[in-house]
C-alpha atoms as a PDB file:
ATOM      1  CA  MET A   1     -39.010  14.182-120.662  1.00  0.00           C
ATOM      2  CA  TRP A   2     -35.272  14.573-121.315  1.00  0.00           C
ATOM      3  CA  LYS A   3     -34.456  11.170-120.027  1.00  0.00           C
ATOM      4  CA  GLY A   4     -36.832   9.539-122.539  1.00  0.00           C
ATOM      5  CA  LEU A   5     -35.474  11.650-125.358  1.00  0.00           C
ATOM      6  CA  GLY A   6     -31.914  10.755-124.344  1.00  0.00           C
ATOM      7  CA  VAL A   7     -32.679   7.057-124.491  1.00  0.00           C
ATOM      8  CA  CYS A   8     -34.312   7.447-127.938  1.00  0.00           C
ATOM      9  CA  ALA A   9     -31.302   9.463-129.179  1.00  0.00           C
ATOM     10  CA  LEU A  10     -28.874   6.846-127.911  1.00  0.00           C
ATOM     11  CA  ILE A  11     -30.779   4.016-129.531  1.00  0.00           C
ATOM     12  CA  ALA A  12     -31.130   5.987-132.776  1.00  0.00           C
ATOM     13  CA  ALA A  13     -27.363   6.710-132.837  1.00  0.00           C
ATOM     14  CA  CYS A  14     -26.600   3.006-132.421  1.00  0.00           C
ATOM     15  CA  GLY A  15     -29.055   2.272-135.256  1.00  0.00           C
ATOM     16  CA  PHE A  16     -27.198   4.682-137.569  1.00  0.00           C
ATOM     17  CA  MET A  17     -23.818   3.147-136.601  1.00  0.00           C
ATOM     18  CA  LEU A  18     -25.018  -0.363-137.323  1.00  0.00           C
ATOM     19  CA  ALA A  19     -26.531   0.671-140.688  1.00  0.00           C
ATOM     20  CA  ASP A  20     -23.181   2.278-141.657  1.00  0.00           C
ATOM     21  CA  ILE A  21     -21.175  -0.909-141.268  1.00  0.00           C
ATOM     22  CA  PRO A  22     -19.977  -1.665-144.829  1.00  0.00           C
ATOM     23  CA  VAL A  23     -21.326  -5.252-144.934  1.00  0.00           C
ATOM     24  CA  ILE A  24     -24.753  -4.116-143.670  1.00  0.00           C
ATOM     25  CA  GLN A  25     -24.818  -0.986-145.827  1.00  0.00           C
ATOM     26  CA  HIS A  26     -24.973  -3.055-149.018  1.00  0.00           C
ATOM     27  CA  THR A  27     -28.146  -4.846-147.762  1.00  0.00           C
ATOM     28  CA  GLY A  28     -30.167  -1.638-147.810  1.00  0.00           C
ATOM     29  CA  ILE A  29     -31.426  -2.110-144.268  1.00  0.00           C
ATOM     30  CA  SER A  30     -32.174   1.340-142.861  1.00  0.00           C
ATOM     31  CA  PRO A  31     -31.335   2.723-139.422  1.00  0.00           C
ATOM     32  CA  LEU A  32     -35.062   2.670-138.625  1.00  0.00           C
ATOM     33  CA  VAL A  33     -35.039  -1.121-138.521  1.00  0.00           C
ATOM     34  CA  PHE A  34     -32.046  -1.314-136.175  1.00  0.00           C
ATOM     35  CA  ALA A  35     -33.591   1.391-133.930  1.00  0.00           C
ATOM     36  CA  LEU A  36     -36.787  -0.642-133.647  1.00  0.00           C
ATOM     37  CA  LEU A  37     -34.919  -3.847-132.761  1.00  0.00           C
ATOM     38  CA  LEU A  38     -32.575  -2.156-130.266  1.00  0.00           C
ATOM     39  CA  GLY A  39     -35.519  -0.333-128.749  1.00  0.00           C
ATOM     40  CA  MET A  40     -37.397  -3.569-128.275  1.00  0.00           C
ATOM     41  CA  LEU A  41     -34.309  -5.121-126.733  1.00  0.00           C
ATOM     42  CA  ALA A  42     -33.822  -2.236-124.314  1.00  0.00           C
ATOM     43  CA  GLY A  43     -37.559  -1.962-123.480  1.00  0.00           C
ATOM     44  CA  ASN A  44     -37.842  -5.626-122.556  1.00  0.00           C
ATOM     45  CA  LEU A  45     -34.951  -5.710-120.162  1.00  0.00           C
ATOM     46  CA  PRO A  46     -35.903  -6.500-116.535  1.00  0.00           C
ATOM     47  CA  GLY A  47     -37.402  -3.425-114.928  1.00  0.00           C
ATOM     48  CA  ALA A  48     -37.472  -1.352-118.146  1.00  0.00           C
ATOM     49  CA  GLY A  49     -41.257  -1.391-118.377  1.00  0.00           C
ATOM     50  CA  ASN A  50     -41.584   0.361-114.970  1.00  0.00           C
ATOM     51  CA  THR A  51     -39.467   3.386-115.829  1.00  0.00           C
ATOM     52  CA  LYS A  52     -42.072   6.190-115.590  1.00  0.00           C
ATOM     53  CA  SER A  53     -39.435   8.882-115.991  1.00  0.00           C
ATOM     54  CA  LEU A  54     -39.012   7.907-119.655  1.00  0.00           C
ATOM     55  CA  GLU A  55     -42.698   7.942-120.529  1.00  0.00           C
ATOM     56  CA  SER A  56     -43.094  11.594-121.587  1.00  0.00           C
ATOM     57  CA  GLY A  57     -39.981  11.533-123.762  1.00  0.00           C
ATOM     58  CA  LEU A  58     -41.035   8.307-125.469  1.00  0.00           C
ATOM     59  CA  LYS A  59     -44.512   9.734-126.198  1.00  0.00           C
ATOM     60  CA  PHE A  60     -42.987  12.923-127.531  1.00  0.00           C
ATOM     61  CA  SER A  61     -40.804  10.911-129.913  1.00  0.00           C
ATOM     62  CA  THR A  62     -43.612   8.698-131.221  1.00  0.00           C
ATOM     63  CA  ARG A  63     -45.865  11.687-131.775  1.00  0.00           C
ATOM     64  CA  TRP A  64     -43.859  14.723-132.775  1.00  0.00           C
ATOM     65  CA  PHE A  65     -40.635  13.292-134.149  1.00  0.00           C
ATOM     66  CA  LEU A  66     -42.658  10.870-136.226  1.00  0.00           C
ATOM     67  CA  ARG A  67     -44.765  13.621-137.755  1.00  0.00           C
ATOM     68  CA  GLY A  68     -41.826  15.970-138.253  1.00  0.00           C
ATOM     69  CA  GLY A  69     -39.812  13.194-139.931  1.00  0.00           C
ATOM     70  CA  ILE A  70     -42.599  12.485-142.425  1.00  0.00           C
ATOM     71  CA  VAL A  71     -42.894  16.210-143.221  1.00  0.00           C
ATOM     72  CA  LEU A  72     -39.145  16.459-143.874  1.00  0.00           C
ATOM     73  CA  PHE A  73     -39.293  13.287-146.038  1.00  0.00           C
ATOM     74  CA  GLY A  74     -40.935  15.543-148.642  1.00  0.00           C
ATOM     75  CA  PHE A  75     -37.490  16.980-149.447  1.00  0.00           C
ATOM     76  CA  SER A  76     -36.681  13.614-151.052  1.00  0.00           C
ATOM     77  CA  ILE A  77     -39.213  14.191-153.881  1.00  0.00           C
ATOM     78  CA  THR A  78     -39.859  16.766-156.622  1.00  0.00           C
ATOM     79  CA  LEU A  79     -42.975  17.130-158.817  1.00  0.00           C
ATOM     80  CA  ASN A  80     -40.778  16.893-161.922  1.00  0.00           C
ATOM     81  CA  GLN A  81     -39.735  13.394-160.877  1.00  0.00           C
ATOM     82  CA  VAL A  82     -43.380  12.393-160.533  1.00  0.00           C
ATOM     83  CA  LEU A  83     -44.390  13.839-163.942  1.00  0.00           C
ATOM     84  CA  ALA A  84     -41.402  12.497-165.860  1.00  0.00           C
ATOM     85  CA  LEU A  85     -42.709   8.990-166.461  1.00  0.00           C
ATOM     86  CA  GLY A  86     -46.274   9.949-167.426  1.00  0.00           C
ATOM     87  CA  PRO A  87     -49.772   9.011-166.232  1.00  0.00           C
ATOM     88  CA  GLY A  88     -49.205   5.278-166.649  1.00  0.00           C
ATOM     89  CA  VAL A  89     -46.947   5.254-163.539  1.00  0.00           C
ATOM     90  CA  VAL A  90     -49.613   6.883-161.384  1.00  0.00           C
ATOM     91  CA  ALA A  91     -52.209   4.461-162.647  1.00  0.00           C
ATOM     92  CA  LEU A  92     -49.930   1.481-161.987  1.00  0.00           C
ATOM     93  CA  ASP A  93     -49.146   2.623-158.454  1.00  0.00           C
ATOM     94  CA  ILE A  94     -52.814   3.314-157.636  1.00  0.00           C
ATOM     95  CA  MET A  95     -53.910  -0.093-158.896  1.00  0.00           C
ATOM     96  CA  VAL A  96     -51.192  -1.991-157.045  1.00  0.00           C
ATOM     97  CA  MET A  97     -51.754  -0.016-153.833  1.00  0.00           C
ATOM     98  CA  SER A  98     -55.536  -0.407-153.889  1.00  0.00           C
ATOM     99  CA  THR A  99     -55.358  -4.133-154.513  1.00  0.00           C
ATOM    100  CA  ILE A 100     -52.932  -4.776-151.669  1.00  0.00           C
ATOM    101  CA  LEU A 101     -54.826  -2.608-149.209  1.00  0.00           C
ATOM    102  CA  VAL A 102     -58.249  -4.087-149.845  1.00  0.00           C
ATOM    103  CA  LEU A 103     -57.063  -7.698-150.226  1.00  0.00           C
ATOM    104  CA  GLY A 104     -54.737  -7.421-147.210  1.00  0.00           C
ATOM    105  CA  TYR A 105     -57.377  -5.993-144.908  1.00  0.00           C
ATOM    106  CA  GLN A 106     -60.028  -8.484-145.969  1.00  0.00           C
ATOM    107  CA  LEU A 107     -57.691 -11.495-145.754  1.00  0.00           C
ATOM    108  CA  GLY A 108     -56.214 -10.333-142.492  1.00  0.00           C
ATOM    109  CA  THR A 109     -59.478  -9.734-140.646  1.00  0.00           C
ATOM    110  CA  ARG A 110     -61.591 -12.524-142.185  1.00  0.00           C
ATOM    111  CA  PHE A 111     -59.303 -15.374-143.111  1.00  0.00           C
ATOM    112  CA  PHE A 112     -56.360 -14.971-140.702  1.00  0.00           C
ATOM    113  CA  LYS A 113     -58.637 -13.516-137.942  1.00  0.00           C
ATOM    114  CA  LEU A 114     -56.223 -10.711-137.135  1.00  0.00           C
ATOM    115  CA  ASP A 115     -57.276  -7.569-135.326  1.00  0.00           C
ATOM    116  CA  ALA A 116     -58.119  -4.673-137.648  1.00  0.00           C
ATOM    117  CA  GLU A 117     -55.090  -2.606-136.637  1.00  0.00           C
ATOM    118  CA  THR A 118     -52.524  -5.325-137.423  1.00  0.00           C
ATOM    119  CA  ALA A 119     -54.249  -6.174-140.765  1.00  0.00           C
ATOM    120  CA  LEU A 120     -54.380  -2.551-141.857  1.00  0.00           C
ATOM    121  CA  LEU A 121     -50.829  -1.665-140.799  1.00  0.00           C
ATOM    122  CA  THR A 122     -49.328  -4.778-142.495  1.00  0.00           C
ATOM    123  CA  SER A 123     -51.262  -4.003-145.649  1.00  0.00           C
ATOM    124  CA  ALA A 124     -50.195  -0.319-145.613  1.00  0.00           C
ATOM    125  CA  GLY A 125     -46.574  -1.262-145.198  1.00  0.00           C
ATOM    126  CA  SER A 126     -46.756  -3.611-148.180  1.00  0.00           C
ATOM    127  CA  ALA A 127     -48.822  -1.339-150.394  1.00  0.00           C
ATOM    128  CA  ILE A 128     -47.181   2.014-150.010  1.00  0.00           C
ATOM    129  CA  CYS A 129     -43.725   2.650-148.506  1.00  0.00           C
ATOM    130  CA  GLY A 130     -42.882   0.204-145.772  1.00  0.00           C
ATOM    131  CA  ALA A 131     -42.065   1.412-142.294  1.00  0.00           C
ATOM    132  CA  ALA A 132     -42.825   5.084-143.071  1.00  0.00           C
ATOM    133  CA  ALA A 133     -46.375   4.194-144.213  1.00  0.00           C
ATOM    134  CA  ILE A 134     -46.875   2.039-141.148  1.00  0.00           C
ATOM    135  CA  LEU A 135     -45.765   4.808-138.806  1.00  0.00           C
ATOM    136  CA  ALA A 136     -47.950   7.381-140.559  1.00  0.00           C
ATOM    137  CA  THR A 137     -50.949   5.089-140.464  1.00  0.00           C
ATOM    138  CA  GLU A 138     -50.249   4.306-136.795  1.00  0.00           C
ATOM    139  CA  THR A 139     -50.417   8.058-136.033  1.00  0.00           C
ATOM    140  CA  THR A 140     -53.747   8.355-137.886  1.00  0.00           C
ATOM    141  CA  ILE A 141     -55.509   5.397-136.323  1.00  0.00           C
ATOM    142  CA  ARG A 142     -53.605   5.461-132.989  1.00  0.00           C
ATOM    143  CA  SER A 143     -52.857   1.740-132.914  1.00  0.00           C
ATOM    144  CA  LYS A 144     -51.167  -0.375-130.294  1.00  0.00           C
ATOM    145  CA  PRO A 145     -47.315  -0.423-130.343  1.00  0.00           C
ATOM    146  CA  ALA A 146     -47.301  -4.256-130.701  1.00  0.00           C
ATOM    147  CA  ALA A 147     -49.376  -4.114-133.874  1.00  0.00           C
ATOM    148  CA  THR A 148     -47.056  -1.477-135.362  1.00  0.00           C
ATOM    149  CA  SER A 149     -43.890  -3.380-134.480  1.00  0.00           C
ATOM    150  CA  MET A 150     -45.214  -6.619-135.987  1.00  0.00           C
ATOM    151  CA  ALA A 151     -46.171  -4.810-139.173  1.00  0.00           C
ATOM    152  CA  VAL A 152     -42.723  -3.280-139.464  1.00  0.00           C
ATOM    153  CA  ALA A 153     -41.147  -6.737-138.924  1.00  0.00           C
ATOM    154  CA  THR A 154     -43.120  -8.147-141.887  1.00  0.00           C
ATOM    155  CA  VAL A 155     -41.949  -5.294-144.153  1.00  0.00           C
ATOM    156  CA  VAL A 156     -38.333  -5.865-143.122  1.00  0.00           C
ATOM    157  CA  LEU A 157     -38.535  -9.612-143.820  1.00  0.00           C
ATOM    158  CA  PHE A 158     -40.237  -9.580-147.239  1.00  0.00           C
ATOM    159  CA  GLY A 159     -38.712  -6.279-148.404  1.00  0.00           C
ATOM    160  CA  SER A 160     -35.300  -7.745-147.675  1.00  0.00           C
ATOM    161  CA  LEU A 161     -36.231 -10.908-149.530  1.00  0.00           C
ATOM    162  CA  ALA A 162     -37.309  -8.764-152.529  1.00  0.00           C
ATOM    163  CA  MET A 163     -33.785  -7.378-152.865  1.00  0.00           C
ATOM    164  CA  PHE A 164     -32.667 -10.877-153.906  1.00  0.00           C
ATOM    165  CA  VAL A 165     -35.788 -12.089-155.729  1.00  0.00           C
ATOM    166  CA  TYR A 166     -36.202  -9.212-158.117  1.00  0.00           C
ATOM    167  CA  PRO A 167     -32.677  -9.242-159.604  1.00  0.00           C
ATOM    168  CA  ALA A 168     -33.046 -12.987-160.054  1.00  0.00           C
ATOM    169  CA  LEU A 169     -36.416 -12.537-161.841  1.00  0.00           C
ATOM    170  CA  TYR A 170     -34.904  -9.934-164.202  1.00  0.00           C
ATOM    171  CA  SER A 171     -32.706 -12.562-165.905  1.00  0.00           C
ATOM    172  CA  VAL A 172     -35.694 -14.884-166.235  1.00  0.00           C
ATOM    173  CA  LEU A 173     -38.218 -12.387-167.638  1.00  0.00           C
ATOM    174  CA  GLY A 174     -35.931 -10.760-170.118  1.00  0.00           C
ATOM    175  CA  TRP A 175     -37.594  -7.339-169.890  1.00  0.00           C
ATOM    176  CA  ASP A 176     -36.136  -4.015-170.945  1.00  0.00           C
ATOM    177  CA  GLU A 177     -34.063  -2.621-168.012  1.00  0.00           C
ATOM    178  CA  SER A 178     -36.009   0.645-167.815  1.00  0.00           C
ATOM    179  CA  LEU A 179     -39.365  -1.205-167.763  1.00  0.00           C
ATOM    180  CA  TYR A 180     -38.106  -3.541-165.062  1.00  0.00           C
ATOM    181  CA  GLY A 181     -37.142  -0.542-162.966  1.00  0.00           C
ATOM    182  CA  VAL A 182     -40.759   0.609-163.076  1.00  0.00           C
ATOM    183  CA  TYR A 183     -41.788  -2.882-161.901  1.00  0.00           C
ATOM    184  CA  ILE A 184     -39.405  -2.726-158.968  1.00  0.00           C
ATOM    185  CA  GLY A 185     -40.554   0.762-157.941  1.00  0.00           C
ATOM    186  CA  ALA A 186     -44.250  -0.234-158.090  1.00  0.00           C
ATOM    187  CA  THR A 187     -43.982  -3.404-155.986  1.00  0.00           C
ATOM    188  CA  VAL A 188     -41.020  -3.393-153.555  1.00  0.00           C
ATOM    189  CA  HIS A 189     -41.715  -2.238-150.012  1.00  0.00           C
ATOM    190  CA  GLU A 190     -39.111   0.274-148.726  1.00  0.00           C
ATOM    191  CA  VAL A 191     -37.298   3.055-150.593  1.00  0.00           C
ATOM    192  CA  ALA A 192     -33.918   1.643-149.509  1.00  0.00           C
ATOM    193  CA  GLN A 193     -34.921  -1.820-150.709  1.00  0.00           C
ATOM    194  CA  VAL A 194     -36.015  -0.343-154.052  1.00  0.00           C
ATOM    195  CA  VAL A 195     -32.627   1.278-154.384  1.00  0.00           C
ATOM    196  CA  ALA A 196     -30.800  -1.991-153.621  1.00  0.00           C
ATOM    197  CA  ALA A 197     -32.914  -4.027-156.027  1.00  0.00           C
ATOM    198  CA  GLY A 198     -32.767  -1.433-158.825  1.00  0.00           C
ATOM    199  CA  ASP A 199     -29.003  -0.971-158.489  1.00  0.00           C
ATOM    200  CA  ALA A 200     -28.548  -4.739-158.788  1.00  0.00           C
ATOM    201  CA  VAL A 201     -30.255  -4.610-162.181  1.00  0.00           C
ATOM    202  CA  GLY A 202     -28.665  -1.515-163.674  1.00  0.00           C
ATOM    203  CA  ALA A 203     -28.497   2.303-163.778  1.00  0.00           C
ATOM    204  CA  HIS A 204     -31.621   2.776-165.908  1.00  0.00           C
ATOM    205  CA  ALA A 205     -33.584   0.358-163.719  1.00  0.00           C
ATOM    206  CA  LEU A 206     -32.466   2.206-160.598  1.00  0.00           C
ATOM    207  CA  ALA A 207     -33.475   5.669-161.909  1.00  0.00           C
ATOM    208  CA  ASN A 208     -36.966   4.563-162.899  1.00  0.00           C
ATOM    209  CA  ALA A 209     -37.428   2.462-159.749  1.00  0.00           C
ATOM    210  CA  VAL A 210     -36.730   5.374-157.441  1.00  0.00           C
ATOM    211  CA  ILE A 211     -39.118   7.733-159.305  1.00  0.00           C
ATOM    212  CA  VAL A 212     -41.958   5.227-159.358  1.00  0.00           C
ATOM    213  CA  LYS A 213     -41.395   4.441-155.692  1.00  0.00           C
ATOM    214  CA  LEU A 214     -41.538   8.136-154.822  1.00  0.00           C
ATOM    215  CA  VAL A 215     -44.920   8.379-156.581  1.00  0.00           C
ATOM    216  CA  ARG A 216     -46.107   5.588-154.259  1.00  0.00           C
ATOM    217  CA  VAL A 217     -44.801   7.597-151.315  1.00  0.00           C
ATOM    218  CA  MET A 218     -46.904  10.628-152.442  1.00  0.00           C
ATOM    219  CA  LEU A 219     -49.985   8.405-152.548  1.00  0.00           C
ATOM    220  CA  LEU A 220     -49.575   8.081-148.780  1.00  0.00           C
ATOM    221  CA  VAL A 221     -51.337  11.457-148.353  1.00  0.00           C
ATOM    222  CA  PRO A 222     -54.710  10.637-149.952  1.00  0.00           C
ATOM    223  CA  PHE A 223     -54.539   7.228-148.302  1.00  0.00           C
ATOM    224  CA  LEU A 224     -54.229   8.810-144.828  1.00  0.00           C
ATOM    225  CA  LEU A 225     -57.123  11.135-145.524  1.00  0.00           C
ATOM    226  CA  ILE A 226     -59.318   8.276-146.638  1.00  0.00           C
ATOM    227  CA  VAL A 227     -58.320   5.856-143.907  1.00  0.00           C
ATOM    228  CA  GLY A 228     -58.855   8.516-141.217  1.00  0.00           C
ATOM    229  CA  GLN A 229     -62.466   9.001-142.201  1.00  0.00           C
ATOM    230  CA  TRP A 230     -63.093   5.299-142.735  1.00  0.00           C
ATOM    231  CA  TRP A 231     -61.586   4.480-139.301  1.00  0.00           C
ATOM    232  CA  LEU A 232     -63.884   6.966-137.663  1.00  0.00           C
ATOM    233  CA  LYS A 233     -66.959   5.490-139.314  1.00  0.00           C
ATOM    234  CA  ARG A 234     -65.837   2.003-138.425  1.00  0.00           C
ATOM    235  CA  ASN A 235     -65.775   2.926-134.769  1.00  0.00           C
ATOM    236  CA  LYS A 236     -69.277   4.458-134.672  1.00  0.00           C
ATOM    237  CA  VAL A 237     -70.578   1.189-133.256  1.00  0.00           C
ATOM    238  CA  GLU A 238     -68.218   1.548-130.304  1.00  0.00           C
ATOM    239  CA  GLN A 239     -69.476   5.084-129.775  1.00  0.00           C
ATOM    240  CA  ALA A 240     -73.043   3.885-129.644  1.00  0.00           C
ATOM    241  CA  ALA A 241     -72.007   1.222-127.125  1.00  0.00           C
ATOM    242  CA  GLY A 242     -70.522   3.911-124.872  1.00  0.00           C
ATOM    243  CA  ALA A 243     -66.858   3.325-125.716  1.00  0.00           C
ATOM    244  CA  GLY A 244     -66.230   7.040-125.784  1.00  0.00           C
ATOM    245  CA  ASN A 245     -66.310   9.768-128.389  1.00  0.00           C
ATOM    246  CA  ARG A 246     -63.906   9.613-131.281  1.00  0.00           C
ATOM    247  CA  ARG A 247     -63.012  12.541-133.427  1.00  0.00           C
ATOM    248  CA  LEU A 248     -61.953  12.485-137.013  1.00  0.00           C
ATOM    249  CA  ILE A 249     -58.119  12.413-137.000  1.00  0.00           C
ATOM    250  CA  ILE A 250     -56.852  14.640-139.769  1.00  0.00           C
ATOM    251  CA  PRO A 251     -53.246  13.888-140.575  1.00  0.00           C
ATOM    252  CA  TRP A 252     -52.063  17.491-140.834  1.00  0.00           C
ATOM    253  CA  PHE A 253     -48.474  16.296-141.155  1.00  0.00           C
ATOM    254  CA  ALA A 254     -49.500  14.773-144.525  1.00  0.00           C
ATOM    255  CA  PHE A 255     -50.187  18.280-145.823  1.00  0.00           C
ATOM    256  CA  GLY A 256     -46.833  19.342-144.467  1.00  0.00           C
ATOM    257  CA  PHE A 257     -45.237  16.508-146.443  1.00  0.00           C
ATOM    258  CA  VAL A 258     -46.942  17.767-149.674  1.00  0.00           C
ATOM    259  CA  GLY A 259     -45.847  21.314-148.859  1.00  0.00           C
ATOM    260  CA  MET A 260     -42.213  20.228-148.591  1.00  0.00           C
ATOM    261  CA  VAL A 261     -42.512  18.395-151.880  1.00  0.00           C
ATOM    262  CA  ILE A 262     -43.704  21.617-153.501  1.00  0.00           C
ATOM    263  CA  VAL A 263     -40.981  23.677-151.831  1.00  0.00           C
ATOM    264  CA  ASN A 264     -38.404  21.164-153.010  1.00  0.00           C
ATOM    265  CA  SER A 265     -39.806  21.438-156.530  1.00  0.00           C
ATOM    266  CA  VAL A 266     -39.836  25.231-156.893  1.00  0.00           C
ATOM    267  CA  ILE A 267     -36.894  26.279-154.716  1.00  0.00           C
ATOM    268  CA  THR A 268     -33.338  25.099-155.270  1.00  0.00           C
ATOM    269  CA  LEU A 269     -31.833  24.947-151.791  1.00  0.00           C
ATOM    270  CA  PRO A 270     -28.062  24.853-151.260  1.00  0.00           C
ATOM    271  CA  ALA A 271     -26.941  21.238-151.301  1.00  0.00           C
ATOM    272  CA  MET A 272     -25.701  21.312-147.715  1.00  0.00           C
ATOM    273  CA  ILE A 273     -29.056  22.657-146.404  1.00  0.00           C
ATOM    274  CA  HIS A 274     -31.088  20.236-148.477  1.00  0.00           C
ATOM    275  CA  ASP A 275     -28.996  17.234-147.357  1.00  0.00           C
ATOM    276  CA  ASN A 276     -29.197  18.305-143.716  1.00  0.00           C
ATOM    277  CA  LEU A 277     -33.000  18.598-143.919  1.00  0.00           C
ATOM    278  CA  VAL A 278     -33.231  15.084-145.359  1.00  0.00           C
ATOM    279  CA  LEU A 279     -30.917  13.813-142.649  1.00  0.00           C
ATOM    280  CA  ALA A 280     -32.911  15.572-139.940  1.00  0.00           C
ATOM    281  CA  GLY A 281     -36.044  13.830-141.196  1.00  0.00           C
ATOM    282  CA  GLN A 282     -34.336  10.461-141.090  1.00  0.00           C
ATOM    283  CA  ILE A 283     -33.058  11.103-137.574  1.00  0.00           C
ATOM    284  CA  ALA A 284     -36.534  12.108-136.401  1.00  0.00           C
ATOM    285  CA  LEU A 285     -38.067   8.936-137.853  1.00  0.00           C
ATOM    286  CA  THR A 286     -35.302   6.782-136.369  1.00  0.00           C
ATOM    287  CA  MET A 287     -35.908   8.284-132.899  1.00  0.00           C
ATOM    288  CA  ALA A 288     -39.660   7.661-133.285  1.00  0.00           C
ATOM    289  CA  MET A 289     -38.898   4.037-134.203  1.00  0.00           C
ATOM    290  CA  ALA A 290     -36.647   3.655-131.196  1.00  0.00           C
ATOM    291  CA  ALA A 291     -39.389   4.893-128.876  1.00  0.00           C
ATOM    292  CA  LEU A 292     -41.910   2.607-130.573  1.00  0.00           C
ATOM    293  CA  GLY A 293     -39.625  -0.378-130.080  1.00  0.00           C
ATOM    294  CA  TYR A 294     -39.046   0.556-126.401  1.00  0.00           C
ATOM    295  CA  GLU A 295     -42.775   0.566-125.764  1.00  0.00           C
ATOM    296  CA  THR A 296     -43.344  -2.783-127.426  1.00  0.00           C
ATOM    297  CA  ARG A 297     -43.596  -5.819-125.201  1.00  0.00           C
ATOM    298  CA  ILE A 298     -42.490  -9.205-126.502  1.00  0.00           C
ATOM    299  CA  ASP A 299     -45.360 -11.015-124.855  1.00  0.00           C
ATOM    300  CA  LYS A 300     -47.849  -8.895-126.901  1.00  0.00           C
ATOM    301  CA  LEU A 301     -46.006  -9.773-130.082  1.00  0.00           C
ATOM    302  CA  ARG A 302     -46.178 -13.450-129.166  1.00  0.00           C
ATOM    303  CA  SER A 303     -49.953 -13.174-128.856  1.00  0.00           C
ATOM    304  CA  LEU A 304     -50.181 -12.133-132.505  1.00  0.00           C
ATOM    305  CA  GLY A 305     -48.385 -15.332-133.618  1.00  0.00           C
ATOM    306  CA  PHE A 306     -47.246 -16.013-137.182  1.00  0.00           C
ATOM    307  CA  LYS A 307     -50.451 -14.911-138.893  1.00  0.00           C
ATOM    308  CA  PRO A 308     -49.163 -11.408-139.718  1.00  0.00           C
ATOM    309  CA  PHE A 309     -46.176 -12.984-141.489  1.00  0.00           C
ATOM    310  CA  LEU A 310     -48.471 -15.307-143.438  1.00  0.00           C
ATOM    311  CA  LEU A 311     -50.562 -12.325-144.496  1.00  0.00           C
ATOM    312  CA  ALA A 312     -47.393 -10.439-145.527  1.00  0.00           C
ATOM    313  CA  LEU A 313     -46.202 -13.480-147.497  1.00  0.00           C
ATOM    314  CA  VAL A 314     -49.482 -13.596-149.463  1.00  0.00           C
ATOM    315  CA  LEU A 315     -49.223  -9.876-150.164  1.00  0.00           C
ATOM    316  CA  PHE A 316     -45.620 -10.223-151.240  1.00  0.00           C
ATOM    317  CA  LEU A 317     -46.618 -12.867-153.779  1.00  0.00           C
ATOM    318  CA  VAL A 318     -49.488 -10.760-154.996  1.00  0.00           C
ATOM    319  CA  LEU A 319     -47.195  -7.798-155.455  1.00  0.00           C
ATOM    320  CA  ILE A 320     -44.867  -9.866-157.615  1.00  0.00           C
ATOM    321  CA  GLY A 321     -47.668 -11.327-159.731  1.00  0.00           C
ATOM    322  CA  GLU A 322     -49.844  -8.246-160.110  1.00  0.00           C
ATOM    323  CA  GLY A 323     -46.898  -6.022-160.992  1.00  0.00           C
ATOM    324  CA  MET A 324     -45.707  -8.558-163.536  1.00  0.00           C
ATOM    325  CA  LEU A 325     -49.094  -8.370-165.309  1.00  0.00           C
ATOM    326  CA  LEU A 326     -49.824  -4.640-164.975  1.00  0.00           C
ATOM    327  CA  THR A 327     -46.403  -3.027-165.588  1.00  0.00           C
ATOM    328  CA  PRO A 328     -46.017  -3.956-169.317  1.00  0.00           C
ATOM    329  CA  LEU A 329     -49.765  -3.483-169.877  1.00  0.00           C
ATOM    330  CA  LEU A 330     -49.897   0.104-168.537  1.00  0.00           C
ATOM    331  CA  MET A 331     -46.416   1.281-169.489  1.00  0.00           C
ATOM    332  CA  ASN A 332     -46.523   0.080-173.080  1.00  0.00           C
ATOM    333  CA  ALA A 333     -50.101   1.291-173.691  1.00  0.00           C
END
């Protein structure tokens, strides 16, 4: 197992180093993305796929580091942040998230003819919180590495595009800066991308964007509970056909995430301890992404084609349009 963990740690360290390069740092691209890409590069080298000695360490990373990282991510949020902007924010996030999830899954499976896993993961990444949502959903439905990697790639592409599109739209729409921050937080994919887009608009936009985005992150918990039950029911046909018994997968790590949010809200930890816990969570998620990338085979990604990117493009445009309509309607009510 230690060899596999060592490979993941090395790839994760390289991901952090790349993300810390000043030119790249301003783009908001997280170490998770670099770890995925470097992992895919390493895993597709000649002979890499036959390394059995790495298998247990890779599986440990994708299972336990992933769940532990999501639990520790709870230290990035407090309940006061969630309550500060009022019920309109929660309603806005729920409406945007629900639309993207339902529309994305239906379009993906029926129009683009994607497999259910790819459609669901791509939709979850767009609707909730990017790569973290994709990884959490992957743990709940136990999807194939190729589907997960493709979904992460779509989030990286269109979330990065959002960092340039949203500041440009701000000058066109002429909205109040604080209101525009809510719009950014409700519709941009990754937390880091929200920070980059909000900062480009202004301090008030940045503050509101981060809070609204963190509300979306918290909605990951009920989503995982619902999708776990739905996924089980969806597979009952396979059970009847003799495909094997499937148990309801309860994402216990999601409750751990909520627990850490509560702890972070009621207990003031020393700054050094708090920062180290947040960093530990990021390291764990980065190692999980490195393992996921290492297990992903390029030929399986090729078989998915460009359809996941087309689906993600449609969802990106819907996020922009729906948020533009709902944000002033709900926040000014």
